[in-house]
Amino acid sequence: MVKGSCHCGNVAFDVEDEPGSVIECNCSHCSRKGYLLWFVPRDKLTLHTPPEALATYKFNKHVIDHLFCRNCGCAPFGFGVDPKGREMASINVRCIEEIDLSTLQRIPFDGRSR
């Protein structure tokens, strides 16, 4: 179990797992925000924040809900559906407490070409 939050703490969550590898996407959104994404089934993420504390941004194909804190703007996770139709959460591991980013395997993803 890992704990995460936005910068101001208004958005808090737990994930019932631990990251081993992360996706480092080069699309315009991920590269500008510096995302390192860890994908988990949606039911592994428990949100400890009222949904109204979050705002949603959609771009490109408008299939992923990129969620961010209405107060500080930090974007700790997003929601979407994988190719098999399963609900997923994409966790920005930079928002996980006490994580050593140097221990994670980074897998490049060419989102810019999609």
PDB file of N, CA and C in Angstrom:
ATOM      1  N   MET A   1       0.850  -1.182   0.000  1.00  0.00           N
ATOM      2  CA  MET A   1       0.000   0.000   0.000  1.00  0.00           C
ATOM      3  C   MET A   1       0.890   1.237   0.000  1.00  0.00           C
ATOM      4  N   VAL A   2       0.571   2.157  -0.899  1.00  0.00           N
ATOM      5  CA  VAL A   2       1.279   3.438  -0.918  1.00  0.00           C
ATOM      6  C   VAL A   2       0.263   4.565  -0.749  1.00  0.00           C
ATOM      7  N   LYS A   3       0.747   5.675  -0.198  1.00  0.00           N
ATOM      8  CA  LYS A   3      -0.087   6.855   0.005  1.00  0.00           C
ATOM      9  C   LYS A   3       0.410   7.967  -0.900  1.00  0.00           C
ATOM     10  N   GLY A   4      -0.534   8.764  -1.386  1.00  0.00           N
ATOM     11  CA  GLY A   4      -0.167   9.874  -2.235  1.00  0.00           C
ATOM     12  C   GLY A   4      -1.069  11.062  -2.002  1.00  0.00           C
ATOM     13  N   SER A   5      -0.659  12.195  -2.568  1.00  0.00           N
ATOM     14  CA  SER A   5      -1.459  13.418  -2.428  1.00  0.00           C
ATOM     15  C   SER A   5      -1.006  14.445  -3.453  1.00  0.00           C
ATOM     16  N   CYS A   6      -1.825  15.487  -3.559  1.00  0.00           N
ATOM     17  CA  CYS A   6      -1.412  16.646  -4.347  1.00  0.00           C
ATOM     18  C   CYS A   6      -0.458  17.478  -3.480  1.00  0.00           C
ATOM     19  N   HIS A   7       0.003  18.603  -3.982  1.00  0.00           N
ATOM     20  CA  HIS A   7       0.959  19.429  -3.252  1.00  0.00           C
ATOM     21  C   HIS A   7       0.386  20.008  -1.972  1.00  0.00           C
ATOM     22  N   CYS A   8      -0.865  20.509  -2.016  1.00  0.00           N
ATOM     23  CA  CYS A   8      -1.450  21.155  -0.839  1.00  0.00           C
ATOM     24  C   CYS A   8      -2.106  20.167   0.122  1.00  0.00           C
ATOM     25  N   GLY A   9      -2.298  18.917  -0.306  1.00  0.00           N
ATOM     26  CA  GLY A   9      -2.892  17.905   0.556  1.00  0.00           C
ATOM     27  C   GLY A   9      -4.404  17.797   0.477  1.00  0.00           C
ATOM     28  N   ASN A  10      -5.047  18.645  -0.333  1.00  0.00           N
ATOM     29  CA  ASN A  10      -6.501  18.554  -0.469  1.00  0.00           C
ATOM     30  C   ASN A  10      -6.945  17.267  -1.162  1.00  0.00           C
ATOM     31  N   VAL A  11      -6.098  16.711  -1.995  1.00  0.00           N
ATOM     32  CA  VAL A  11      -6.391  15.449  -2.673  1.00  0.00           C
ATOM     33  C   VAL A  11      -5.460  14.393  -2.081  1.00  0.00           C
ATOM     34  N   ALA A  12      -6.043  13.373  -1.463  1.00  0.00           N
ATOM     35  CA  ALA A  12      -5.261  12.294  -0.855  1.00  0.00           C
ATOM     36  C   ALA A  12      -5.811  10.959  -1.320  1.00  0.00           C
ATOM     37  N   PHE A  13      -4.917   9.976  -1.464  1.00  0.00           N
ATOM     38  CA  PHE A  13      -5.321   8.674  -1.966  1.00  0.00           C
ATOM     39  C   PHE A  13      -4.367   7.593  -1.487  1.00  0.00           C
ATOM     40  N   ASP A  14      -4.826   6.355  -1.569  1.00  0.00           N
ATOM     41  CA  ASP A  14      -4.009   5.167  -1.324  1.00  0.00           C
ATOM     42  C   ASP A  14      -4.105   4.278  -2.557  1.00  0.00           C
ATOM     43  N   VAL A  15      -3.046   3.498  -2.782  1.00  0.00           N
ATOM     44  CA  VAL A  15      -3.063   2.499  -3.854  1.00  0.00           C
ATOM     45  C   VAL A  15      -2.634   1.175  -3.244  1.00  0.00           C
ATOM     46  N   GLU A  16      -3.421   0.139  -3.482  1.00  0.00           N
ATOM     47  CA  GLU A  16      -3.153  -1.195  -2.936  1.00  0.00           C
ATOM     48  C   GLU A  16      -2.151  -1.944  -3.807  1.00  0.00           C
ATOM     49  N   ASP A  17      -0.953  -1.465  -3.872  1.00  0.00           N
ATOM     50  CA  ASP A  17       0.112  -2.097  -4.645  1.00  0.00           C
ATOM     51  C   ASP A  17       1.340  -1.222  -4.495  1.00  0.00           C
ATOM     52  N   GLU A  18       2.422  -1.611  -5.137  1.00  0.00           N
ATOM     53  CA  GLU A  18       3.619  -0.779  -5.164  1.00  0.00           C
ATOM     54  C   GLU A  18       4.177  -0.771  -6.572  1.00  0.00           C
ATOM     55  N   PRO A  19       4.610   0.392  -7.051  1.00  0.00           N
ATOM     56  CA  PRO A  19       5.115   0.461  -8.419  1.00  0.00           C
ATOM     57  C   PRO A  19       6.479  -0.207  -8.560  1.00  0.00           C
ATOM     58  N   GLY A  20       6.683  -0.832  -9.708  1.00  0.00           N
ATOM     59  CA  GLY A  20       7.982  -1.391 -10.033  1.00  0.00           C
ATOM     60  C   GLY A  20       8.530  -0.727 -11.284  1.00  0.00           C
ATOM     61  N   SER A  21       7.625  -0.494 -12.236  1.00  0.00           N
ATOM     62  CA  SER A  21       8.009   0.203 -13.454  1.00  0.00           C
ATOM     63  C   SER A  21       6.971   1.286 -13.727  1.00  0.00           C
ATOM     64  N   VAL A  22       7.397   2.288 -14.469  1.00  0.00           N
ATOM     65  CA  VAL A  22       6.526   3.415 -14.800  1.00  0.00           C
ATOM     66  C   VAL A  22       6.683   3.757 -16.271  1.00  0.00           C
ATOM     67  N   ILE A  23       5.654   4.364 -16.807  1.00  0.00           N
ATOM     68  CA  ILE A  23       5.673   4.819 -18.198  1.00  0.00           C
ATOM     69  C   ILE A  23       6.122   6.271 -18.220  1.00  0.00           C
ATOM     70  N   GLU A  24       7.091   6.556 -19.074  1.00  0.00           N
ATOM     71  CA  GLU A  24       7.544   7.928 -19.292  1.00  0.00           C
ATOM     72  C   GLU A  24       7.152   8.301 -20.715  1.00  0.00           C
ATOM     73  N   CYS A  25       6.007   8.966 -20.830  1.00  0.00           N
ATOM     74  CA  CYS A  25       5.420   9.303 -22.124  1.00  0.00           C
ATOM     75  C   CYS A  25       5.959  10.649 -22.613  1.00  0.00           C
ATOM     76  N   ASN A  26       6.153  10.762 -23.929  1.00  0.00           N
ATOM     77  CA  ASN A  26       6.678  12.008 -24.490  1.00  0.00           C
ATOM     78  C   ASN A  26       5.604  12.857 -25.168  1.00  0.00           C
ATOM     79  N   CYS A  27       4.309  12.563 -24.914  1.00  0.00           N
ATOM     80  CA  CYS A  27       3.260  13.395 -25.519  1.00  0.00           C
ATOM     81  C   CYS A  27       3.350  14.815 -24.942  1.00  0.00           C
ATOM     82  N   SER A  28       2.655  15.737 -25.578  1.00  0.00           N
ATOM     83  CA  SER A  28       2.754  17.139 -25.164  1.00  0.00           C
ATOM     84  C   SER A  28       2.296  17.347 -23.723  1.00  0.00           C
ATOM     85  N   HIS A  29       1.307  16.619 -23.265  1.00  0.00           N
ATOM     86  CA  HIS A  29       0.789  16.789 -21.905  1.00  0.00           C
ATOM     87  C   HIS A  29       1.741  16.182 -20.874  1.00  0.00           C
ATOM     88  N   CYS A  30       2.093  14.921 -21.046  1.00  0.00           N
ATOM     89  CA  CYS A  30       2.954  14.232 -20.068  1.00  0.00           C
ATOM     90  C   CYS A  30       4.341  14.863 -19.973  1.00  0.00           C
ATOM     91  N   SER A  31       4.916  15.218 -21.115  1.00  0.00           N
ATOM     92  CA  SER A  31       6.272  15.778 -21.067  1.00  0.00           C
ATOM     93  C   SER A  31       6.288  17.150 -20.408  1.00  0.00           C
ATOM     94  N   ARG A  32       5.265  17.957 -20.623  1.00  0.00           N
ATOM     95  CA  ARG A  32       5.216  19.276 -19.989  1.00  0.00           C
ATOM     96  C   ARG A  32       5.024  19.178 -18.475  1.00  0.00           C
ATOM     97  N   LYS A  33       4.286  18.168 -18.031  1.00  0.00           N
ATOM     98  CA  LYS A  33       4.026  18.008 -16.595  1.00  0.00           C
ATOM     99  C   LYS A  33       5.053  17.122 -15.908  1.00  0.00           C
ATOM    100  N   GLY A  34       5.885  16.421 -16.670  1.00  0.00           N
ATOM    101  CA  GLY A  34       6.907  15.572 -16.072  1.00  0.00           C
ATOM    102  C   GLY A  34       6.352  14.290 -15.475  1.00  0.00           C
ATOM    103  N   TYR A  35       5.228  13.815 -16.003  1.00  0.00           N
ATOM    104  CA  TYR A  35       4.608  12.609 -15.471  1.00  0.00           C
ATOM    105  C   TYR A  35       5.501  11.384 -15.562  1.00  0.00           C
ATOM    106  N   LEU A  36       5.433  10.574 -14.534  1.00  0.00           N
ATOM    107  CA  LEU A  36       5.915   9.193 -14.538  1.00  0.00           C
ATOM    108  C   LEU A  36       4.688   8.390 -14.108  1.00  0.00           C
ATOM    109  N   LEU A  37       4.122   7.616 -15.014  1.00  0.00           N
ATOM    110  CA  LEU A  37       2.813   7.004 -14.792  1.00  0.00           C
ATOM    111  C   LEU A  37       2.891   5.516 -14.467  1.00  0.00           C
ATOM    112  N   TRP A  38       2.112   5.153 -13.486  1.00  0.00           N
ATOM    113  CA  TRP A  38       1.968   3.773 -13.029  1.00  0.00           C
ATOM    114  C   TRP A  38       0.498   3.422 -13.189  1.00  0.00           C
ATOM    115  N   PHE A  39       0.204   2.411 -13.987  1.00  0.00           N
ATOM    116  CA  PHE A  39      -1.167   2.028 -14.277  1.00  0.00           C
ATOM    117  C   PHE A  39      -1.606   0.883 -13.384  1.00  0.00           C
ATOM    118  N   VAL A  40      -2.779   1.056 -12.757  1.00  0.00           N
ATOM    119  CA  VAL A  40      -3.350   0.037 -11.873  1.00  0.00           C
ATOM    120  C   VAL A  40      -4.844  -0.074 -12.158  1.00  0.00           C
ATOM    121  N   PRO A  41      -5.457  -1.230 -11.851  1.00  0.00           N
ATOM    122  CA  PRO A  41      -6.913  -1.312 -11.941  1.00  0.00           C
ATOM    123  C   PRO A  41      -7.545  -0.239 -11.054  1.00  0.00           C
ATOM    124  N   ARG A  42      -8.627   0.364 -11.527  1.00  0.00           N
ATOM    125  CA  ARG A  42      -9.266   1.485 -10.821  1.00  0.00           C
ATOM    126  C   ARG A  42      -9.624   1.138  -9.375  1.00  0.00           C
ATOM    127  N   ASP A  43     -10.018  -0.111  -9.129  1.00  0.00           N
ATOM    128  CA  ASP A  43     -10.428  -0.477  -7.771  1.00  0.00           C
ATOM    129  C   ASP A  43      -9.261  -0.592  -6.796  1.00  0.00           C
ATOM    130  N   LYS A  44      -8.022  -0.464  -7.277  1.00  0.00           N
ATOM    131  CA  LYS A  44      -6.849  -0.465  -6.394  1.00  0.00           C
ATOM    132  C   LYS A  44      -6.597   0.912  -5.790  1.00  0.00           C
ATOM    133  N   LEU A  45      -7.223   1.952  -6.348  1.00  0.00           N
ATOM    134  CA  LEU A  45      -7.045   3.317  -5.860  1.00  0.00           C
ATOM    135  C   LEU A  45      -8.227   3.695  -4.978  1.00  0.00           C
ATOM    136  N   THR A  46      -7.930   4.143  -3.756  1.00  0.00           N
ATOM    137  CA  THR A  46      -8.963   4.644  -2.845  1.00  0.00           C
ATOM    138  C   THR A  46      -8.750   6.138  -2.673  1.00  0.00           C
ATOM    139  N   LEU A  47      -9.749   6.907  -3.032  1.00  0.00           N
ATOM    140  CA  LEU A  47      -9.690   8.355  -2.921  1.00  0.00           C
ATOM    141  C   LEU A  47     -10.235   8.775  -1.558  1.00  0.00           C
ATOM    142  N   HIS A  48      -9.483   9.587  -0.832  1.00  0.00           N
ATOM    143  CA  HIS A  48      -9.889  10.070   0.491  1.00  0.00           C
ATOM    144  C   HIS A  48     -10.335  11.526   0.435  1.00  0.00           C
ATOM    145  N   THR A  49     -10.786  11.932  -0.720  1.00  0.00           N
ATOM    146  CA  THR A  49     -11.114  13.325  -0.983  1.00  0.00           C
ATOM    147  C   THR A  49     -12.472  13.395  -1.661  1.00  0.00           C
ATOM    148  N   PRO A  50     -13.280  14.383  -1.346  1.00  0.00           N
ATOM    149  CA  PRO A  50     -14.538  14.531  -2.075  1.00  0.00           C
ATOM    150  C   PRO A  50     -14.263  14.808  -3.555  1.00  0.00           C
ATOM    151  N   PRO A  51     -15.029  14.211  -4.440  1.00  0.00           N
ATOM    152  CA  PRO A  51     -14.800  14.417  -5.882  1.00  0.00           C
ATOM    153  C   PRO A  51     -14.821  15.877  -6.308  1.00  0.00           C
ATOM    154  N   GLU A  52     -15.554  16.716  -5.577  1.00  0.00           N
ATOM    155  CA  GLU A  52     -15.626  18.134  -5.963  1.00  0.00           C
ATOM    156  C   GLU A  52     -14.309  18.881  -5.724  1.00  0.00           C
ATOM    157  N   ALA A  53     -13.352  18.277  -5.038  1.00  0.00           N
ATOM    158  CA  ALA A  53     -12.034  18.891  -4.859  1.00  0.00           C
ATOM    159  C   ALA A  53     -11.186  18.751  -6.121  1.00  0.00           C
ATOM    160  N   LEU A  54     -11.657  17.929  -7.065  1.00  0.00           N
ATOM    161  CA  LEU A  54     -10.917  17.648  -8.289  1.00  0.00           C
ATOM    162  C   LEU A  54     -11.543  18.328  -9.499  1.00  0.00           C
ATOM    163  N   ALA A  55     -10.710  18.680 -10.448  1.00  0.00           N
ATOM    164  CA  ALA A  55     -11.159  19.159 -11.755  1.00  0.00           C
ATOM    165  C   ALA A  55     -10.625  18.188 -12.792  1.00  0.00           C
ATOM    166  N   THR A  56     -11.227  18.191 -13.969  1.00  0.00           N
ATOM    167  CA  THR A  56     -10.859  17.246 -15.023  1.00  0.00           C
ATOM    168  C   THR A  56     -10.397  17.978 -16.263  1.00  0.00           C
ATOM    169  N   TYR A  57      -9.343  17.456 -16.869  1.00  0.00           N
ATOM    170  CA  TYR A  57      -8.859  17.966 -18.147  1.00  0.00           C
ATOM    171  C   TYR A  57      -8.845  16.797 -19.127  1.00  0.00           C
ATOM    172  N   LYS A  58      -9.401  17.007 -20.306  1.00  0.00           N
ATOM    173  CA  LYS A  58      -9.366  16.001 -21.381  1.00  0.00           C
ATOM    174  C   LYS A  58      -8.737  16.650 -22.603  1.00  0.00           C
ATOM    175  N   PHE A  59      -7.971  15.867 -23.349  1.00  0.00           N
ATOM    176  CA  PHE A  59      -7.395  16.394 -24.583  1.00  0.00           C
ATOM    177  C   PHE A  59      -7.260  15.259 -25.587  1.00  0.00           C
ATOM    178  N   ASN A  60      -6.786  15.559 -26.756  1.00  0.00           N
ATOM    179  CA  ASN A  60      -6.565  14.599 -27.828  1.00  0.00           C
ATOM    180  C   ASN A  60      -7.859  13.846 -28.128  1.00  0.00           C
ATOM    181  N   LYS A  61      -7.948  12.575 -27.794  1.00  0.00           N
ATOM    182  CA  LYS A  61      -9.135  11.763 -28.106  1.00  0.00           C
ATOM    183  C   LYS A  61     -10.219  11.857 -27.029  1.00  0.00           C
ATOM    184  N   HIS A  62      -9.958  12.598 -25.967  1.00  0.00           N
ATOM    185  CA  HIS A  62     -10.928  12.832 -24.880  1.00  0.00           C
ATOM    186  C   HIS A  62     -11.415  11.536 -24.229  1.00  0.00           C
ATOM    187  N   VAL A  63     -10.514  10.588 -24.043  1.00  0.00           N
ATOM    188  CA  VAL A  63     -10.902   9.314 -23.426  1.00  0.00           C
ATOM    189  C   VAL A  63     -10.318   9.139 -22.025  1.00  0.00           C
ATOM    190  N   ILE A  64      -9.382   9.987 -21.636  1.00  0.00           N
ATOM    191  CA  ILE A  64      -8.776   9.900 -20.310  1.00  0.00           C
ATOM    192  C   ILE A  64      -9.174  11.131 -19.502  1.00  0.00           C
ATOM    193  N   ASP A  65      -9.636  10.905 -18.278  1.00  0.00           N
ATOM    194  CA  ASP A  65      -9.911  12.000 -17.354  1.00  0.00           C
ATOM    195  C   ASP A  65      -8.634  12.293 -16.589  1.00  0.00           C
ATOM    196  N   HIS A  66      -7.958  13.364 -16.954  1.00  0.00           N
ATOM    197  CA  HIS A  66      -6.754  13.801 -16.245  1.00  0.00           C
ATOM    198  C   HIS A  66      -7.241  14.663 -15.088  1.00  0.00           C
ATOM    199  N   LEU A  67      -7.122  14.166 -13.869  1.00  0.00           N
ATOM    200  CA  LEU A  67      -7.664  14.854 -12.702  1.00  0.00           C
ATOM    201  C   LEU A  67      -6.596  15.672 -11.996  1.00  0.00           C
ATOM    202  N   PHE A  68      -7.000  16.829 -11.483  1.00  0.00           N
ATOM    203  CA  PHE A  68      -6.054  17.680 -10.766  1.00  0.00           C
ATOM    204  C   PHE A  68      -6.768  18.417  -9.652  1.00  0.00           C
ATOM    205  N   CYS A  69      -5.996  18.848  -8.665  1.00  0.00           N
ATOM    206  CA  CYS A  69      -6.526  19.558  -7.504  1.00  0.00           C
ATOM    207  C   CYS A  69      -6.986  20.954  -7.910  1.00  0.00           C
ATOM    208  N   ARG A  70      -8.190  21.310  -7.508  1.00  0.00           N
ATOM    209  CA  ARG A  70      -8.724  22.643  -7.811  1.00  0.00           C
ATOM    210  C   ARG A  70      -7.965  23.743  -7.068  1.00  0.00           C
ATOM    211  N   ASN A  71      -7.281  23.405  -5.979  1.00  0.00           N
ATOM    212  CA  ASN A  71      -6.581  24.407  -5.181  1.00  0.00           C
ATOM    213  C   ASN A  71      -5.144  24.628  -5.678  1.00  0.00           C
ATOM    214  N   CYS A  72      -4.330  23.576  -5.735  1.00  0.00           N
ATOM    215  CA  CYS A  72      -2.914  23.751  -6.070  1.00  0.00           C
ATOM    216  C   CYS A  72      -2.572  23.397  -7.521  1.00  0.00           C
ATOM    217  N   GLY A  73      -3.487  22.729  -8.225  1.00  0.00           N
ATOM    218  CA  GLY A  73      -3.249  22.396  -9.629  1.00  0.00           C
ATOM    219  C   GLY A  73      -2.449  21.129  -9.853  1.00  0.00           C
ATOM    220  N   CYS A  74      -1.977  20.502  -8.792  1.00  0.00           N
ATOM    221  CA  CYS A  74      -1.194  19.282  -8.909  1.00  0.00           C
ATOM    222  C   CYS A  74      -2.071  18.157  -9.483  1.00  0.00           C
ATOM    223  N   ALA A  75      -1.487  17.325 -10.348  1.00  0.00           N
ATOM    224  CA  ALA A  75      -2.235  16.270 -11.039  1.00  0.00           C
ATOM    225  C   ALA A  75      -1.728  14.893 -10.614  1.00  0.00           C
ATOM    226  N   PRO A  76      -2.311  14.309  -9.562  1.00  0.00           N
ATOM    227  CA  PRO A  76      -1.797  13.052  -9.029  1.00  0.00           C
ATOM    228  C   PRO A  76      -2.238  11.787  -9.748  1.00  0.00           C
ATOM    229  N   PHE A  77      -3.342  11.831 -10.511  1.00  0.00           N
ATOM    230  CA  PHE A  77      -3.798  10.624 -11.198  1.00  0.00           C
ATOM    231  C   PHE A  77      -4.830  10.969 -12.263  1.00  0.00           C
ATOM    232  N   GLY A  78      -5.159   9.963 -13.051  1.00  0.00           N
ATOM    233  CA  GLY A  78      -6.197  10.082 -14.066  1.00  0.00           C
ATOM    234  C   GLY A  78      -6.966   8.779 -14.136  1.00  0.00           C
ATOM    235  N   PHE A  79      -8.115   8.816 -14.803  1.00  0.00           N
ATOM    236  CA  PHE A  79      -8.942   7.626 -14.960  1.00  0.00           C
ATOM    237  C   PHE A  79      -9.216   7.394 -16.438  1.00  0.00           C
ATOM    238  N   GLY A  80      -9.248   6.119 -16.808  1.00  0.00           N
ATOM    239  CA  GLY A  80      -9.554   5.756 -18.180  1.00  0.00           C
ATOM    240  C   GLY A  80      -9.913   4.286 -18.260  1.00  0.00           C
ATOM    241  N   VAL A  81      -9.946   3.778 -19.481  1.00  0.00           N
ATOM    242  CA  VAL A  81     -10.281   2.387 -19.738  1.00  0.00           C
ATOM    243  C   VAL A  81      -9.185   1.811 -20.625  1.00  0.00           C
ATOM    244  N   ASP A  82      -8.689   0.619 -20.270  1.00  0.00           N
ATOM    245  CA  ASP A  82      -7.638   0.001 -21.074  1.00  0.00           C
ATOM    246  C   ASP A  82      -8.244  -0.631 -22.334  1.00  0.00           C
ATOM    247  N   PRO A  83      -7.409  -1.123 -23.259  1.00  0.00           N
ATOM    248  CA  PRO A  83      -7.924  -1.703 -24.503  1.00  0.00           C
ATOM    249  C   PRO A  83      -8.880  -2.887 -24.310  1.00  0.00           C
ATOM    250  N   LYS A  84      -8.832  -3.539 -23.157  1.00  0.00           N
ATOM    251  CA  LYS A  84      -9.736  -4.654 -22.883  1.00  0.00           C
ATOM    252  C   LYS A  84     -11.021  -4.206 -22.199  1.00  0.00           C
ATOM    253  N   GLY A  85     -11.192  -2.885 -22.009  1.00  0.00           N
ATOM    254  CA  GLY A  85     -12.411  -2.350 -21.423  1.00  0.00           C
ATOM    255  C   GLY A  85     -12.414  -2.264 -19.908  1.00  0.00           C
ATOM    256  N   ARG A  86     -11.267  -2.519 -19.281  1.00  0.00           N
ATOM    257  CA  ARG A  86     -11.188  -2.456 -17.813  1.00  0.00           C
ATOM    258  C   ARG A  86     -10.926  -1.023 -17.359  1.00  0.00           C
ATOM    259  N   GLU A  87     -11.605  -0.612 -16.270  1.00  0.00           N
ATOM    260  CA  GLU A  87     -11.372   0.705 -15.704  1.00  0.00           C
ATOM    261  C   GLU A  87     -10.000   0.740 -15.046  1.00  0.00           C
ATOM    262  N   MET A  88      -9.232   1.773 -15.373  1.00  0.00           N
ATOM    263  CA  MET A  88      -7.860   1.893 -14.891  1.00  0.00           C
ATOM    264  C   MET A  88      -7.634   3.258 -14.265  1.00  0.00           C
ATOM    265  N   ALA A  89      -6.612   3.319 -13.421  1.00  0.00           N
ATOM    266  CA  ALA A  89      -6.122   4.588 -12.876  1.00  0.00           C
ATOM    267  C   ALA A  89      -4.662   4.720 -13.284  1.00  0.00           C
ATOM    268  N   SER A  90      -4.288   5.900 -13.714  1.00  0.00           N
ATOM    269  CA  SER A  90      -2.883   6.180 -14.015  1.00  0.00           C
ATOM    270  C   SER A  90      -2.377   7.085 -12.909  1.00  0.00           C
ATOM    271  N   ILE A  91      -1.473   6.556 -12.111  1.00  0.00           N
ATOM    272  CA  ILE A  91      -0.961   7.270 -10.947  1.00  0.00           C
ATOM    273  C   ILE A  91       0.325   7.992 -11.332  1.00  0.00           C
ATOM    274  N   ASN A  92       0.389   9.276 -11.035  1.00  0.00           N
ATOM    275  CA  ASN A  92       1.628  10.032 -11.219  1.00  0.00           C
ATOM    276  C   ASN A  92       2.508   9.730 -10.001  1.00  0.00           C
ATOM    277  N   VAL A  93       3.503   8.870 -10.178  1.00  0.00           N
ATOM    278  CA  VAL A  93       4.291   8.424  -9.026  1.00  0.00           C
ATOM    279  C   VAL A  93       5.048   9.554  -8.342  1.00  0.00           C
ATOM    280  N   ARG A  94       5.187  10.686  -8.999  1.00  0.00           N
ATOM    281  CA  ARG A  94       5.817  11.842  -8.357  1.00  0.00           C
ATOM    282  C   ARG A  94       4.955  12.378  -7.211  1.00  0.00           C
ATOM    283  N   CYS A  95       3.694  11.934  -7.135  1.00  0.00           N
ATOM    284  CA  CYS A  95       2.778  12.360  -6.067  1.00  0.00           C
ATOM    285  C   CYS A  95       2.641  11.314  -4.966  1.00  0.00           C
ATOM    286  N   ILE A  96       3.451  10.271  -5.020  1.00  0.00           N
ATOM    287  CA  ILE A  96       3.437   9.249  -3.973  1.00  0.00           C
ATOM    288  C   ILE A  96       4.437   9.645  -2.902  1.00  0.00           C
ATOM    289  N   GLU A  97       4.010   9.527  -1.651  1.00  0.00           N
ATOM    290  CA  GLU A  97       4.863   9.893  -0.521  1.00  0.00           C
ATOM    291  C   GLU A  97       6.018   8.916  -0.380  1.00  0.00           C
ATOM    292  N   GLU A  98       7.170   9.438  -0.015  1.00  0.00           N
ATOM    293  CA  GLU A  98       8.350   8.646   0.329  1.00  0.00           C
ATOM    294  C   GLU A  98       8.717   7.601  -0.713  1.00  0.00           C
ATOM    295  N   ILE A  99       8.744   7.996  -1.977  1.00  0.00           N
ATOM    296  CA  ILE A  99       9.147   7.079  -3.036  1.00  0.00           C
ATOM    297  C   ILE A  99      10.513   7.502  -3.572  1.00  0.00           C
ATOM    298  N   ASP A 100      11.352   6.528  -3.822  1.00  0.00           N
ATOM    299  CA  ASP A 100      12.659   6.781  -4.409  1.00  0.00           C
ATOM    300  C   ASP A 100      12.532   6.545  -5.908  1.00  0.00           C
ATOM    301  N   LEU A 101      12.412   7.618  -6.669  1.00  0.00           N
ATOM    302  CA  LEU A 101      12.192   7.511  -8.111  1.00  0.00           C
ATOM    303  C   LEU A 101      13.324   6.786  -8.823  1.00  0.00           C
ATOM    304  N   SER A 102      14.520   6.816  -8.260  1.00  0.00           N
ATOM    305  CA  SER A 102      15.663   6.164  -8.909  1.00  0.00           C
ATOM    306  C   SER A 102      15.559   4.635  -8.892  1.00  0.00           C
ATOM    307  N   THR A 103      14.654   4.089  -8.067  1.00  0.00           N
ATOM    308  CA  THR A 103      14.504   2.629  -8.003  1.00  0.00           C
ATOM    309  C   THR A 103      13.507   2.097  -9.027  1.00  0.00           C
ATOM    310  N   LEU A 104      12.798   2.985  -9.716  1.00  0.00           N
ATOM    311  CA  LEU A 104      11.761   2.563 -10.657  1.00  0.00           C
ATOM    312  C   LEU A 104      12.313   2.399 -12.069  1.00  0.00           C
ATOM    313  N   GLN A 105      11.892   1.344 -12.715  1.00  0.00           N
ATOM    314  CA  GLN A 105      12.257   1.148 -14.115  1.00  0.00           C
ATOM    315  C   GLN A 105      11.373   2.066 -14.963  1.00  0.00           C
ATOM    316  N   ARG A 106      12.005   2.906 -15.782  1.00  0.00           N
ATOM    317  CA  ARG A 106      11.262   3.824 -16.649  1.00  0.00           C
ATOM    318  C   ARG A 106      11.139   3.207 -18.035  1.00  0.00           C
ATOM    319  N   ILE A 107       9.901   3.099 -18.514  1.00  0.00           N
ATOM    320  CA  ILE A 107       9.636   2.536 -19.832  1.00  0.00           C
ATOM    321  C   ILE A 107       9.190   3.671 -20.746  1.00  0.00           C
ATOM    322  N   PRO A 108       9.997   3.992 -21.765  1.00  0.00           N
ATOM    323  CA  PRO A 108       9.617   5.081 -22.663  1.00  0.00           C
ATOM    324  C   PRO A 108       8.377   4.698 -23.487  1.00  0.00           C
ATOM    325  N   PHE A 109       7.504   5.682 -23.713  1.00  0.00           N
ATOM    326  CA  PHE A 109       6.313   5.487 -24.545  1.00  0.00           C
ATOM    327  C   PHE A 109       6.218   6.671 -25.490  1.00  0.00           C
ATOM    328  N   ASP A 110       6.092   6.390 -26.778  1.00  0.00           N
ATOM    329  CA  ASP A 110       6.039   7.447 -27.779  1.00  0.00           C
ATOM    330  C   ASP A 110       4.605   7.908 -28.002  1.00  0.00           C
ATOM    331  N   GLY A 111       4.085   8.661 -27.051  1.00  0.00           N
ATOM    332  CA  GLY A 111       2.749   9.206 -27.174  1.00  0.00           C
ATOM    333  C   GLY A 111       2.659  10.354 -28.171  1.00  0.00           C
ATOM    334  N   ARG A 112       3.773  10.970 -28.441  1.00  0.00           N
ATOM    335  CA  ARG A 112       3.807  12.102 -29.378  1.00  0.00           C
ATOM    336  C   ARG A 112       3.423  11.660 -30.789  1.00  0.00           C
ATOM    337  N   SER A 113       3.717  10.412 -31.147  1.00  0.00           N
ATOM    338  CA  SER A 113       3.436   9.915 -32.500  1.00  0.00           C
ATOM    339  C   SER A 113       2.032   9.324 -32.641  1.00  0.00           C
ATOM    340  N   ARG A 114       1.259   9.308 -31.588  1.00  0.00           N
ATOM    341  CA  ARG A 114      -0.079   8.683 -31.636  1.00  0.00           C
ATOM    342  C   ARG A 114      -1.163   9.678 -31.880  1.00  0.00           C
TER     343      ARG A 114
END
